[in-house]
Amino acid sequence: QVQLVESGGGLVHPGGSLRLSCAASGIIFRLNPMAWYRQAPGTARELVARILSTGVTNYADSVKGRFTISRDNAKNTVYLQMNSLKPEDTAVYYCNAGRFYEYWGQGTQVTVSS
C-alpha cells in the first residue's frame, strides 16, 4: 500500500549538485514526517535530514549548510537538494516516512567522483 519512489541520483563531480526526489503514495503525506537516509559500503545507515509535518527540519552535522530537505504536500513529494557534494557523500540514499520511520524507498545511488 505504502510506496516511496526515489529519483535523481547519479554520478556527479566534487563540488557539484544533485536534487533527489521521493514520491509517496498510500499515506496521508501532509501528516507524515519524511526523511532521507544514506548508506555507504561497509557503513551503517545514517540519517541525513528529516522534515516534520510542521516543516521543522534537522540535518546530520556532515551535511549542514550544504543539503536542504523540503516537501511539497500538493505533490506528495519530498526533496533533498545537495550542493557542494564531496566524495564522502557517495552512498545509496533512501527515502523514509512515518512517525516511527516505518516506510522505506528502494534507494537511489549517488556517486561523487572526479
C-alpha atoms as a PDB file:
ATOM      1  CA  GLN A   1       0.000   0.000   0.000  1.00  0.00           C
ATOM      2  CA  VAL A   2       2.680   2.484   1.019  1.00  0.00           C
ATOM      3  CA  GLN A   3       5.175   3.221  -1.707  1.00  0.00           C
ATOM      4  CA  LEU A   4       8.140   5.579  -1.733  1.00  0.00           C
ATOM      5  CA  VAL A   5       9.968   6.027  -5.026  1.00  0.00           C
ATOM      6  CA  GLU A   6      13.262   7.898  -5.151  1.00  0.00           C
ATOM      7  CA  SER A   7      14.757   9.511  -8.223  1.00  0.00           C
ATOM      8  CA  GLY A   8      17.507  11.942  -9.116  1.00  0.00           C
ATOM      9  CA  GLY A   9      20.607  10.013  -8.150  1.00  0.00           C
ATOM     10  CA  GLY A  10      23.596   9.657 -10.399  1.00  0.00           C
ATOM     11  CA  LEU A  11      27.242  10.462 -10.928  1.00  0.00           C
ATOM     12  CA  VAL A  12      28.445  13.967 -10.156  1.00  0.00           C
ATOM     13  CA  HIS A  13      31.835  15.626  -9.787  1.00  0.00           C
ATOM     14  CA  PRO A  14      33.040  17.014  -6.444  1.00  0.00           C
ATOM     15  CA  GLY A  15      31.523  20.427  -5.853  1.00  0.00           C
ATOM     16  CA  GLY A  16      28.515  19.618  -7.981  1.00  0.00           C
ATOM     17  CA  SER A  17      24.841  19.437  -7.110  1.00  0.00           C
ATOM     18  CA  LEU A  18      22.004  16.963  -7.309  1.00  0.00           C
ATOM     19  CA  ARG A  19      18.371  17.078  -6.305  1.00  0.00           C
ATOM     20  CA  LEU A  20      16.781  13.873  -5.093  1.00  0.00           C
ATOM     21  CA  SER A  21      13.027  13.408  -5.183  1.00  0.00           C
ATOM     22  CA  CYS A  22      10.814  10.948  -3.341  1.00  0.00           C
ATOM     23  CA  ALA A  23       7.227  10.470  -4.442  1.00  0.00           C
ATOM     24  CA  ALA A  24       4.976   8.965  -1.791  1.00  0.00           C
ATOM     25  CA  SER A  25       1.681   7.143  -2.068  1.00  0.00           C
ATOM     26  CA  GLY A  26      -0.500   5.212   0.340  1.00  0.00           C
ATOM     27  CA  ILE A  27       0.000   7.647   3.216  1.00  0.00           C
ATOM     28  CA  ILE A  28      -1.562  10.918   4.263  1.00  0.00           C
ATOM     29  CA  PHE A  29       1.525  12.739   3.152  1.00  0.00           C
ATOM     30  CA  ARG A  30       0.964  16.079   4.879  1.00  0.00           C
ATOM     31  CA  LEU A  31       0.743  14.369   8.273  1.00  0.00           C
ATOM     32  CA  ASN A  32       3.916  12.321   7.982  1.00  0.00           C
ATOM     33  CA  PRO A  33       7.474  13.110   8.923  1.00  0.00           C
ATOM     34  CA  MET A  34       9.737  12.469   5.939  1.00  0.00           C
ATOM     35  CA  ALA A  35      13.436  11.757   5.946  1.00  0.00           C
ATOM     36  CA  TRP A  36      16.454  10.939   3.852  1.00  0.00           C
ATOM     37  CA  TYR A  37      18.988   8.350   4.946  1.00  0.00           C
ATOM     38  CA  ARG A  38      22.135   7.147   3.268  1.00  0.00           C
ATOM     39  CA  GLN A  39      24.346   4.107   3.460  1.00  0.00           C
ATOM     40  CA  ALA A  40      27.841   3.752   2.073  1.00  0.00           C
ATOM     41  CA  PRO A  41      29.520   0.348   1.640  1.00  0.00           C
ATOM     42  CA  GLY A  42      30.679  -1.079   4.948  1.00  0.00           C
ATOM     43  CA  THR A  43      28.906   1.580   7.000  1.00  0.00           C
ATOM     44  CA  ALA A  44      25.716   1.852   8.991  1.00  0.00           C
ATOM     45  CA  ARG A  45      22.719   3.588   7.524  1.00  0.00           C
ATOM     46  CA  GLU A  46      22.664   7.170   8.770  1.00  0.00           C
ATOM     47  CA  LEU A  47      20.061   9.886   8.950  1.00  0.00           C
ATOM     48  CA  VAL A  48      20.855  12.714   6.560  1.00  0.00           C
ATOM     49  CA  ALA A  49      17.865  15.001   7.013  1.00  0.00           C
ATOM     50  CA  ARG A  50      14.334  14.925   8.345  1.00  0.00           C
ATOM     51  CA  ILE A  51      11.369  17.221   7.922  1.00  0.00           C
ATOM     52  CA  LEU A  52       8.320  17.082  10.162  1.00  0.00           C
ATOM     53  CA  SER A  53       4.735  17.792   9.183  1.00  0.00           C
ATOM     54  CA  THR A  54       5.214  21.232  10.729  1.00  0.00           C
ATOM     55  CA  GLY A  55       8.131  21.985   8.437  1.00  0.00           C
ATOM     56  CA  VAL A  56      10.726  21.716  11.190  1.00  0.00           C
ATOM     57  CA  THR A  57      13.941  20.212   9.839  1.00  0.00           C
ATOM     58  CA  ASN A  58      17.068  18.619  11.182  1.00  0.00           C
ATOM     59  CA  TYR A  59      20.302  17.618   9.484  1.00  0.00           C
ATOM     60  CA  ALA A  60      23.329  15.498  10.072  1.00  0.00           C
ATOM     61  CA  ASP A  61      26.313  17.637  11.007  1.00  0.00           C
ATOM     62  CA  SER A  62      28.166  16.410   7.941  1.00  0.00           C
ATOM     63  CA  VAL A  63      25.640  17.957   5.549  1.00  0.00           C
ATOM     64  CA  LYS A  64      24.582  21.125   7.363  1.00  0.00           C
ATOM     65  CA  GLY A  65      24.927  24.147   5.142  1.00  0.00           C
ATOM     66  CA  ARG A  66      25.140  22.002   2.008  1.00  0.00           C
ATOM     67  CA  PHE A  67      21.910  19.982   1.878  1.00  0.00           C
ATOM     68  CA  THR A  68      18.323  21.178   2.134  1.00  0.00           C
ATOM     69  CA  ILE A  69      15.280  18.990   2.703  1.00  0.00           C
ATOM     70  CA  SER A  70      11.903  20.286   1.607  1.00  0.00           C
ATOM     71  CA  ARG A  71       8.434  18.964   0.934  1.00  0.00           C
ATOM     72  CA  ASP A  72       5.602  19.742  -1.435  1.00  0.00           C
ATOM     73  CA  ASN A  73       2.427  18.421   0.119  1.00  0.00           C
ATOM     74  CA  ALA A  74       0.410  19.133  -3.026  1.00  0.00           C
ATOM     75  CA  LYS A  75       2.683  16.744  -4.931  1.00  0.00           C
ATOM     76  CA  ASN A  76       3.210  14.217  -2.127  1.00  0.00           C
ATOM     77  CA  THR A  77       6.915  14.639  -2.713  1.00  0.00           C
ATOM     78  CA  VAL A  78       9.936  15.278  -0.529  1.00  0.00           C
ATOM     79  CA  TYR A  79      13.198  16.614  -1.945  1.00  0.00           C
ATOM     80  CA  LEU A  80      16.819  16.673  -0.960  1.00  0.00           C
ATOM     81  CA  GLN A  81      18.836  19.418  -2.600  1.00  0.00           C
ATOM     82  CA  MET A  82      22.512  18.508  -2.343  1.00  0.00           C
ATOM     83  CA  ASN A  83      25.114  21.167  -3.065  1.00  0.00           C
ATOM     84  CA  SER A  84      28.896  21.251  -2.765  1.00  0.00           C
ATOM     85  CA  LEU A  85      28.999  17.488  -2.985  1.00  0.00           C
ATOM     86  CA  LYS A  86      32.026  15.635  -1.671  1.00  0.00           C
ATOM     87  CA  PRO A  87      33.324  12.127  -2.388  1.00  0.00           C
ATOM     88  CA  GLU A  88      32.322  11.150   1.147  1.00  0.00           C
ATOM     89  CA  ASP A  89      28.692  11.846   0.209  1.00  0.00           C
ATOM     90  CA  THR A  90      28.797   8.791  -2.043  1.00  0.00           C
ATOM     91  CA  ALA A  91      26.131   6.365  -0.850  1.00  0.00           C
ATOM     92  CA  VAL A  92      22.769   4.868  -1.578  1.00  0.00           C
ATOM     93  CA  TYR A  93      20.184   7.416  -0.487  1.00  0.00           C
ATOM     94  CA  TYR A  94      16.883   6.174   0.909  1.00  0.00           C
ATOM     95  CA  CYS A  95      13.592   7.947   1.382  1.00  0.00           C
ATOM     96  CA  ASN A  96      11.837   7.280   4.678  1.00  0.00           C
ATOM     97  CA  ALA A  97       8.388   8.099   6.015  1.00  0.00           C
ATOM     98  CA  GLY A  98       6.383   7.745   9.178  1.00  0.00           C
ATOM     99  CA  ARG A  99       6.267   8.789  12.779  1.00  0.00           C
ATOM    100  CA  PHE A 100       8.240   5.664  13.608  1.00  0.00           C
ATOM    101  CA  TYR A 101      10.392   5.585  10.465  1.00  0.00           C
ATOM    102  CA  GLU A 102       8.451   2.574   9.242  1.00  0.00           C
ATOM    103  CA  TYR A 103       8.369   3.059   5.467  1.00  0.00           C
ATOM    104  CA  TRP A 104      11.308   2.918   3.077  1.00  0.00           C
ATOM    105  CA  GLY A 105      12.002   3.500  -0.561  1.00  0.00           C
ATOM    106  CA  GLN A 106      14.226   1.325  -2.720  1.00  0.00           C
ATOM    107  CA  GLY A 107      17.171   3.700  -2.682  1.00  0.00           C
ATOM    108  CA  THR A 108      18.990   5.698  -5.324  1.00  0.00           C
ATOM    109  CA  GLN A 109      22.748   5.694  -5.886  1.00  0.00           C
ATOM    110  CA  VAL A 110      24.684   8.931  -5.548  1.00  0.00           C
ATOM    111  CA  THR A 111      28.315   8.803  -6.618  1.00  0.00           C
ATOM    112  CA  VAL A 112      30.598  11.801  -6.206  1.00  0.00           C
ATOM    113  CA  SER A 113      33.837  11.255  -8.050  1.00  0.00           C
ATOM    114  CA  SER A 114      36.304  13.026 -10.265  1.00  0.00           C
END
